[in-house]
């Protein structure tokens, strides 16, 4: 799983940061950060789109209601992308 810098030390894949006193990152670290940003941007856009859907706004936080609603919305979205 990938995450942002707020999840340091959790074992998740996070962007590389410069060490204290270091001016630049190595090229491979810059490339990794670039691909990390592209993936995270797609995920964040999907989250933003789902937050605008009424089914998720009106869903109550009991049982597995939110989980089932998100799965349903994700499946519909994937079907739309598949054509």
PDB file of N, CA and C in Angstrom:
ATOM      1  N   UNK A   1       0.846  -1.181   0.000  1.00  0.00           N
ATOM      2  CA  UNK A   1       0.000   0.000   0.000  1.00  0.00           C
ATOM      3  C   UNK A   1       0.883   1.232   0.000  1.00  0.00           C
ATOM      4  N   UNK A   2       0.386   2.268  -0.636  1.00  0.00           N
ATOM      5  CA  UNK A   2       1.129   3.523  -0.636  1.00  0.00           C
ATOM      6  C   UNK A   2       0.429   4.507   0.281  1.00  0.00           C
ATOM      7  N   UNK A   3       1.181   5.452   0.794  1.00  0.00           N
ATOM      8  CA  UNK A   3       0.637   6.434   1.713  1.00  0.00           C
ATOM      9  C   UNK A   3       1.405   7.733   1.548  1.00  0.00           C
ATOM     10  N   UNK A   4       0.950   8.770   2.238  1.00  0.00           N
ATOM     11  CA  UNK A   4       1.695  10.018   2.213  1.00  0.00           C
ATOM     12  C   UNK A   4       2.686  10.036   3.374  1.00  0.00           C
ATOM     13  N   UNK A   5       3.407  11.129   3.514  1.00  0.00           N
ATOM     14  CA  UNK A   5       4.465  11.229   4.513  1.00  0.00           C
ATOM     15  C   UNK A   5       4.003  11.146   5.953  1.00  0.00           C
ATOM     16  N   UNK A   6       2.717  11.255   6.199  1.00  0.00           N
ATOM     17  CA  UNK A   6       2.198  11.185   7.556  1.00  0.00           C
ATOM     18  C   UNK A   6       2.233   9.783   8.139  1.00  0.00           C
ATOM     19  N   UNK A   7       2.568   8.788   7.345  1.00  0.00           N
ATOM     20  CA  UNK A   7       2.560   7.402   7.798  1.00  0.00           C
ATOM     21  C   UNK A   7       3.976   6.831   7.913  1.00  0.00           C
ATOM     22  N   UNK A   8       4.930   7.669   8.247  1.00  0.00           N
ATOM     23  CA  UNK A   8       6.323   7.206   8.388  1.00  0.00           C
ATOM     24  C   UNK A   8       6.425   6.167   9.497  1.00  0.00           C
ATOM     25  N   UNK A   9       7.240   5.157   9.246  1.00  0.00           N
ATOM     26  CA  UNK A   9       7.493   4.129  10.240  1.00  0.00           C
ATOM     27  C   UNK A   9       6.428   3.053  10.323  1.00  0.00           C
ATOM     28  N   UNK A  10       5.472   3.042   9.399  1.00  0.00           N
ATOM     29  CA  UNK A  10       4.399   2.054   9.437  1.00  0.00           C
ATOM     30  C   UNK A  10       4.637   0.893   8.480  1.00  0.00           C
ATOM     31  N   UNK A  11       5.656   0.974   7.662  1.00  0.00           N
ATOM     32  CA  UNK A  11       5.920  -0.078   6.688  1.00  0.00           C
ATOM     33  C   UNK A  11       5.239   0.153   5.356  1.00  0.00           C
ATOM     34  N   UNK A  12       4.438   1.206   5.249  1.00  0.00           N
ATOM     35  CA  UNK A  12       3.792   1.529   3.984  1.00  0.00           C
ATOM     36  C   UNK A  12       4.787   2.222   3.067  1.00  0.00           C
ATOM     37  N   UNK A  13       4.502   2.230   1.766  1.00  0.00           N
ATOM     38  CA  UNK A  13       5.365   2.897   0.796  1.00  0.00           C
ATOM     39  C   UNK A  13       5.034   4.386   0.825  1.00  0.00           C
ATOM     40  N   UNK A  14       6.004   5.187   1.230  1.00  0.00           N
ATOM     41  CA  UNK A  14       5.816   6.632   1.309  1.00  0.00           C
ATOM     42  C   UNK A  14       6.872   7.319   0.450  1.00  0.00           C
ATOM     43  N   UNK A  15       6.668   8.583   0.110  1.00  0.00           N
ATOM     44  CA  UNK A  15       7.660   9.295  -0.702  1.00  0.00           C
ATOM     45  C   UNK A  15       8.995   9.422   0.035  1.00  0.00           C
ATOM     46  N   UNK A  16      10.063   9.481  -0.740  1.00  0.00           N
ATOM     47  CA  UNK A  16      11.395   9.687  -0.173  1.00  0.00           C
ATOM     48  C   UNK A  16      11.541  11.151   0.230  1.00  0.00           C
ATOM     49  N   UNK A  17      12.263  11.383   1.311  1.00  0.00           N
ATOM     50  CA  UNK A  17      12.519  12.743   1.786  1.00  0.00           C
ATOM     51  C   UNK A  17      14.015  12.960   1.853  1.00  0.00           C
ATOM     52  N   UNK A  18      14.410  14.198   1.768  1.00  0.00           N
ATOM     53  CA  UNK A  18      15.831  14.523   1.911  1.00  0.00           C
ATOM     54  C   UNK A  18      16.243  14.353   3.365  1.00  0.00           C
ATOM     55  N   UNK A  19      17.439  13.878   3.549  1.00  0.00           N
ATOM     56  CA  UNK A  19      17.996  13.798   4.894  1.00  0.00           C
ATOM     57  C   UNK A  19      18.449  15.192   5.317  1.00  0.00           C
ATOM     58  N   UNK A  20      18.619  15.376   6.604  1.00  0.00           N
ATOM     59  CA  UNK A  20      19.077  16.668   7.118  1.00  0.00           C
ATOM     60  C   UNK A  20      20.421  17.032   6.486  1.00  0.00           C
ATOM     61  N   UNK A  21      20.506  18.218   5.924  1.00  0.00           N
ATOM     62  CA  UNK A  21      21.723  18.688   5.280  1.00  0.00           C
ATOM     63  C   UNK A  21      21.865  18.282   3.824  1.00  0.00           C
ATOM     64  N   UNK A  22      20.973  17.457   3.327  1.00  0.00           N
ATOM     65  CA  UNK A  22      21.023  17.004   1.936  1.00  0.00           C
ATOM     66  C   UNK A  22      20.283  18.016   1.071  1.00  0.00           C
ATOM     67  N   UNK A  23      20.865  18.395  -0.068  1.00  0.00           N
ATOM     68  CA  UNK A  23      20.224  19.404  -0.914  1.00  0.00           C
ATOM     69  C   UNK A  23      19.268  18.801  -1.931  1.00  0.00           C
ATOM     70  N   UNK A  24      19.615  17.654  -2.509  1.00  0.00           N
ATOM     71  CA  UNK A  24      18.778  17.037  -3.544  1.00  0.00           C
ATOM     72  C   UNK A  24      18.629  15.542  -3.280  1.00  0.00           C
ATOM     73  N   UNK A  25      17.573  14.987  -3.850  1.00  0.00           N
ATOM     74  CA  UNK A  25      17.389  13.540  -3.831  1.00  0.00           C
ATOM     75  C   UNK A  25      18.083  12.938  -5.042  1.00  0.00           C
ATOM     76  N   UNK A  26      18.444  11.666  -4.932  1.00  0.00           N
ATOM     77  CA  UNK A  26      19.033  10.988  -6.085  1.00  0.00           C
ATOM     78  C   UNK A  26      17.969  10.836  -7.171  1.00  0.00           C
ATOM     79  N   UNK A  27      18.431  10.595  -8.385  1.00  0.00           N
ATOM     80  CA  UNK A  27      17.506  10.507  -9.529  1.00  0.00           C
ATOM     81  C   UNK A  27      16.468   9.414  -9.355  1.00  0.00           C
ATOM     82  N   UNK A  28      16.879   8.237  -8.856  1.00  0.00           N
ATOM     83  CA  UNK A  28      15.926   7.143  -8.710  1.00  0.00           C
ATOM     84  C   UNK A  28      14.879   7.468  -7.654  1.00  0.00           C
ATOM     85  N   UNK A  29      15.267   8.217  -6.626  1.00  0.00           N
ATOM     86  CA  UNK A  29      14.284   8.610  -5.606  1.00  0.00           C
ATOM     87  C   UNK A  29      13.305   9.633  -6.176  1.00  0.00           C
ATOM     88  N   UNK A  30      13.803  10.553  -6.999  1.00  0.00           N
ATOM     89  CA  UNK A  30      12.922  11.522  -7.657  1.00  0.00           C
ATOM     90  C   UNK A  30      11.934  10.808  -8.577  1.00  0.00           C
ATOM     91  N   UNK A  31      12.419   9.815  -9.328  1.00  0.00           N
ATOM     92  CA  UNK A  31      11.540   9.053 -10.216  1.00  0.00           C
ATOM     93  C   UNK A  31      10.482   8.295  -9.417  1.00  0.00           C
ATOM     94  N   UNK A  32      10.894   7.704  -8.310  1.00  0.00           N
ATOM     95  CA  UNK A  32       9.945   6.980  -7.460  1.00  0.00           C
ATOM     96  C   UNK A  32       8.891   7.927  -6.914  1.00  0.00           C
ATOM     97  N   UNK A  33       9.302   9.102  -6.444  1.00  0.00           N
ATOM     98  CA  UNK A  33       8.354  10.085  -5.919  1.00  0.00           C
ATOM     99  C   UNK A  33       7.384  10.548  -7.004  1.00  0.00           C
ATOM    100  N   UNK A  34       7.882  10.692  -8.218  1.00  0.00           N
ATOM    101  CA  UNK A  34       7.030  11.134  -9.331  1.00  0.00           C
ATOM    102  C   UNK A  34       5.942  10.096  -9.613  1.00  0.00           C
ATOM    103  N   UNK A  35       6.313   8.822  -9.679  1.00  0.00           N
ATOM    104  CA  UNK A  35       5.311   7.783  -9.936  1.00  0.00           C
ATOM    105  C   UNK A  35       4.361   7.653  -8.740  1.00  0.00           C
ATOM    106  N   UNK A  36       4.864   7.842  -7.536  1.00  0.00           N
ATOM    107  CA  UNK A  36       4.046   7.807  -6.323  1.00  0.00           C
ATOM    108  C   UNK A  36       2.983   8.902  -6.366  1.00  0.00           C
ATOM    109  N   UNK A  37       3.380  10.104  -6.774  1.00  0.00           N
ATOM    110  CA  UNK A  37       2.429  11.228  -6.870  1.00  0.00           C
ATOM    111  C   UNK A  37       1.330  10.946  -7.881  1.00  0.00           C
ATOM    112  N   UNK A  38       1.693  10.341  -9.017  1.00  0.00           N
ATOM    113  CA  UNK A  38       0.693  10.060 -10.052  1.00  0.00           C
ATOM    114  C   UNK A  38      -0.358   9.072  -9.555  1.00  0.00           C
ATOM    115  N   UNK A  39       0.086   8.030  -8.863  1.00  0.00           N
ATOM    116  CA  UNK A  39      -0.854   7.038  -8.345  1.00  0.00           C
ATOM    117  C   UNK A  39      -1.735   7.658  -7.269  1.00  0.00           C
ATOM    118  N   UNK A  40      -1.136   8.393  -6.335  1.00  0.00           N
ATOM    119  CA  UNK A  40      -1.901   8.993  -5.252  1.00  0.00           C
ATOM    120  C   UNK A  40      -2.910  10.011  -5.785  1.00  0.00           C
ATOM    121  N   UNK A  41      -2.553  10.733  -6.838  1.00  0.00           N
ATOM    122  CA  UNK A  41      -3.483  11.712  -7.402  1.00  0.00           C
ATOM    123  C   UNK A  41      -4.733  11.020  -7.927  1.00  0.00           C
ATOM    124  N   UNK A  42      -4.573   9.884  -8.597  1.00  0.00           N
ATOM    125  CA  UNK A  42      -5.738   9.142  -9.101  1.00  0.00           C
ATOM    126  C   UNK A  42      -6.620   8.668  -7.961  1.00  0.00           C
ATOM    127  N   UNK A  43      -5.993   8.161  -6.905  1.00  0.00           N
ATOM    128  CA  UNK A  43      -6.750   7.668  -5.756  1.00  0.00           C
ATOM    129  C   UNK A  43      -7.490   8.812  -5.072  1.00  0.00           C
ATOM    130  N   UNK A  44      -6.801   9.929  -4.864  1.00  0.00           N
ATOM    131  CA  UNK A  44      -7.438  11.070  -4.203  1.00  0.00           C
ATOM    132  C   UNK A  44      -8.591  11.626  -5.035  1.00  0.00           C
ATOM    133  N   UNK A  45      -8.444  11.629  -6.364  1.00  0.00           N
ATOM    134  CA  UNK A  45      -9.538  12.092  -7.217  1.00  0.00           C
ATOM    135  C   UNK A  45     -10.736  11.151  -7.120  1.00  0.00           C
ATOM    136  N   UNK A  46     -10.475   9.844  -7.044  1.00  0.00           N
ATOM    137  CA  UNK A  46     -11.575   8.885  -6.884  1.00  0.00           C
ATOM    138  C   UNK A  46     -12.292   9.105  -5.557  1.00  0.00           C
ATOM    139  N   UNK A  47     -11.522   9.328  -4.473  1.00  0.00           N
ATOM    140  CA  UNK A  47     -12.143   9.615  -3.175  1.00  0.00           C
ATOM    141  C   UNK A  47     -12.993  10.877  -3.239  1.00  0.00           C
ATOM    142  N   UNK A  48     -12.489  11.913  -3.881  1.00  0.00           N
ATOM    143  CA  UNK A  48     -13.240  13.163  -3.985  1.00  0.00           C
ATOM    144  C   UNK A  48     -14.532  12.957  -4.768  1.00  0.00           C
ATOM    145  N   UNK A  49     -14.460  12.170  -5.842  1.00  0.00           N
ATOM    146  CA  UNK A  49     -15.657  11.908  -6.640  1.00  0.00           C
ATOM    147  C   UNK A  49     -16.684  11.134  -5.817  1.00  0.00           C
ATOM    148  N   UNK A  50     -16.239  10.125  -5.065  1.00  0.00           N
ATOM    149  CA  UNK A  50     -17.166   9.330  -4.263  1.00  0.00           C
ATOM    150  C   UNK A  50     -17.819  10.162  -3.160  1.00  0.00           C
ATOM    151  N   UNK A  51     -17.089  11.130  -2.614  1.00  0.00           N
ATOM    152  CA  UNK A  51     -17.658  11.952  -1.549  1.00  0.00           C
ATOM    153  C   UNK A  51     -18.802  12.824  -2.050  1.00  0.00           C
ATOM    154  N   UNK A  52     -18.866  13.052  -3.348  1.00  0.00           N
ATOM    155  CA  UNK A  52     -19.939  13.881  -3.886  1.00  0.00           C
ATOM    156  C   UNK A  52     -21.204  13.071  -4.193  1.00  0.00           C
ATOM    157  N   UNK A  53     -21.142  11.757  -4.088  1.00  0.00           N
ATOM    158  CA  UNK A  53     -22.298  10.925  -4.404  1.00  0.00           C
ATOM    159  C   UNK A  53     -23.252  10.836  -3.226  1.00  0.00           C
ATOM    160  N   UNK A  54     -24.516  10.989  -3.494  1.00  0.00           N
ATOM    161  CA  UNK A  54     -25.543  11.029  -2.467  1.00  0.00           C
ATOM    162  C   UNK A  54     -25.607   9.741  -1.644  1.00  0.00           C
ATOM    163  N   UNK A  55     -25.398   8.605  -2.270  1.00  0.00           N
ATOM    164  CA  UNK A  55     -25.491   7.342  -1.533  1.00  0.00           C
ATOM    165  C   UNK A  55     -24.497   7.310  -0.370  1.00  0.00           C
ATOM    166  N   UNK A  56     -23.324   7.908  -0.563  1.00  0.00           N
ATOM    167  CA  UNK A  56     -22.335   7.915   0.515  1.00  0.00           C
ATOM    168  C   UNK A  56     -22.613   9.009   1.537  1.00  0.00           C
ATOM    169  N   UNK A  57     -23.152  10.125   1.109  1.00  0.00           N
ATOM    170  CA  UNK A  57     -23.480  11.203   2.056  1.00  0.00           C
ATOM    171  C   UNK A  57     -24.594  10.775   2.994  1.00  0.00           C
ATOM    172  N   UNK A  58     -25.568  10.027   2.475  1.00  0.00           N
ATOM    173  CA  UNK A  58     -26.731   9.653   3.267  1.00  0.00           C
ATOM    174  C   UNK A  58     -26.554   8.342   4.026  1.00  0.00           C
ATOM    175  N   UNK A  59     -25.460   7.654   3.770  1.00  0.00           N
ATOM    176  CA  UNK A  59     -25.244   6.348   4.386  1.00  0.00           C
ATOM    177  C   UNK A  59     -24.968   6.515   5.879  1.00  0.00           C
ATOM    178  N   UNK A  60     -25.594   5.686   6.689  1.00  0.00           N
ATOM    179  CA  UNK A  60     -25.396   5.730   8.137  1.00  0.00           C
ATOM    180  C   UNK A  60     -24.185   4.900   8.529  1.00  0.00           C
ATOM    181  N   UNK A  61     -23.537   5.258   9.617  1.00  0.00           N
ATOM    182  CA  UNK A  61     -22.303   4.614  10.041  1.00  0.00           C
ATOM    183  C   UNK A  61     -22.561   3.452  10.993  1.00  0.00           C
ATOM    184  N   UNK A  62     -23.455   2.551  10.647  1.00  0.00           N
ATOM    185  CA  UNK A  62     -23.681   1.390  11.497  1.00  0.00           C
ATOM    186  C   UNK A  62     -23.503   0.126  10.665  1.00  0.00           C
ATOM    187  N   UNK A  63     -22.998  -0.909  11.305  1.00  0.00           N
ATOM    188  CA  UNK A  63     -22.783  -2.165  10.596  1.00  0.00           C
ATOM    189  C   UNK A  63     -21.815  -1.995   9.446  1.00  0.00           C
ATOM    190  N   UNK A  64     -22.077  -2.675   8.366  1.00  0.00           N
ATOM    191  CA  UNK A  64     -21.214  -2.611   7.193  1.00  0.00           C
ATOM    192  C   UNK A  64     -21.798  -1.745   6.101  1.00  0.00           C
ATOM    193  N   UNK A  65     -22.710  -0.841   6.436  1.00  0.00           N
ATOM    194  CA  UNK A  65     -23.386  -0.031   5.429  1.00  0.00           C
ATOM    195  C   UNK A  65     -22.449   0.780   4.561  1.00  0.00           C
ATOM    196  N   UNK A  66     -21.491   1.460   5.192  1.00  0.00           N
ATOM    197  CA  UNK A  66     -20.555   2.275   4.429  1.00  0.00           C
ATOM    198  C   UNK A  66     -19.689   1.382   3.557  1.00  0.00           C
ATOM    199  N   UNK A  67     -19.239   0.272   4.118  1.00  0.00           N
ATOM    200  CA  UNK A  67     -18.379  -0.640   3.360  1.00  0.00           C
ATOM    201  C   UNK A  67     -19.112  -1.170   2.128  1.00  0.00           C
ATOM    202  N   UNK A  68     -20.345  -1.616   2.303  1.00  0.00           N
ATOM    203  CA  UNK A  68     -21.113  -2.136   1.162  1.00  0.00           C
ATOM    204  C   UNK A  68     -21.386  -1.046   0.133  1.00  0.00           C
ATOM    205  N   UNK A  69     -21.665   0.159   0.602  1.00  0.00           N
ATOM    206  CA  UNK A  69     -21.937   1.253  -0.335  1.00  0.00           C
ATOM    207  C   UNK A  69     -20.695   1.582  -1.157  1.00  0.00           C
ATOM    208  N   UNK A  70     -19.546   1.627  -0.511  1.00  0.00           N
ATOM    209  CA  UNK A  70     -18.303   1.934  -1.229  1.00  0.00           C
ATOM    210  C   UNK A  70     -17.981   0.832  -2.226  1.00  0.00           C
ATOM    211  N   UNK A  71     -18.169  -0.423  -1.837  1.00  0.00           N
ATOM    212  CA  UNK A  71     -17.935  -1.518  -2.783  1.00  0.00           C
ATOM    213  C   UNK A  71     -18.851  -1.410  -3.991  1.00  0.00           C
ATOM    214  N   UNK A  72     -20.110  -1.091  -3.754  1.00  0.00           N
ATOM    215  CA  UNK A  72     -21.054  -0.944  -4.861  1.00  0.00           C
ATOM    216  C   UNK A  72     -20.686   0.196  -5.787  1.00  0.00           C
ATOM    217  N   UNK A  73     -20.317   1.310  -5.209  1.00  0.00           N
ATOM    218  CA  UNK A  73     -19.925   2.468  -6.022  1.00  0.00           C
ATOM    219  C   UNK A  73     -18.656   2.157  -6.808  1.00  0.00           C
ATOM    220  N   UNK A  74     -17.689   1.485  -6.178  1.00  0.00           N
ATOM    221  CA  UNK A  74     -16.446   1.137  -6.867  1.00  0.00           C
ATOM    222  C   UNK A  74     -16.717   0.189  -8.037  1.00  0.00           C
ATOM    223  N   UNK A  75     -17.603  -0.768  -7.824  1.00  0.00           N
ATOM    224  CA  UNK A  75     -17.938  -1.694  -8.914  1.00  0.00           C
ATOM    225  C   UNK A  75     -18.612  -0.977 -10.070  1.00  0.00           C
ATOM    226  N   UNK A  76     -19.536  -0.093  -9.756  1.00  0.00           N
ATOM    227  CA  UNK A  76     -20.189   0.682 -10.822  1.00  0.00           C
ATOM    228  C   UNK A  76     -19.192   1.543 -11.580  1.00  0.00           C
ATOM    229  N   UNK A  77     -18.286   2.148 -10.846  1.00  0.00           N
ATOM    230  CA  UNK A  77     -17.258   2.991 -11.481  1.00  0.00           C
ATOM    231  C   UNK A  77     -16.382   2.146 -12.413  1.00  0.00           C
ATOM    232  N   UNK A  78     -15.955   0.960 -11.946  1.00  0.00           N
ATOM    233  CA  UNK A  78     -15.132   0.091 -12.777  1.00  0.00           C
ATOM    234  C   UNK A  78     -15.876  -0.390 -14.008  1.00  0.00           C
ATOM    235  N   UNK A  79     -17.159  -0.665 -13.869  1.00  0.00           N
ATOM    236  CA  UNK A  79     -17.954  -1.058 -15.034  1.00  0.00           C
ATOM    237  C   UNK A  79     -18.034   0.077 -16.050  1.00  0.00           C
ATOM    238  N   UNK A  80     -18.149   1.296 -15.546  1.00  0.00           N
ATOM    239  CA  UNK A  80     -18.192   2.465 -16.439  1.00  0.00           C
ATOM    240  C   UNK A  80     -16.870   2.597 -17.196  1.00  0.00           C
ATOM    241  N   UNK A  81     -15.763   2.403 -16.496  1.00  0.00           N
ATOM    242  CA  UNK A  81     -14.457   2.507 -17.147  1.00  0.00           C
ATOM    243  C   UNK A  81     -14.237   1.398 -18.170  1.00  0.00           C
ATOM    244  N   UNK A  82     -14.758   0.205 -17.890  1.00  0.00           N
ATOM    245  CA  UNK A  82     -14.576  -0.920 -18.784  1.00  0.00           C
ATOM    246  C   UNK A  82     -15.381  -0.760 -20.074  1.00  0.00           C
ATOM    247  N   UNK A  83     -16.417   0.054 -20.014  1.00  0.00           N
ATOM    248  CA  UNK A  83     -17.195   0.321 -21.213  1.00  0.00           C
ATOM    249  C   UNK A  83     -18.284  -0.612 -21.334  1.00  0.00           C
TER     250      UNK A  83
END
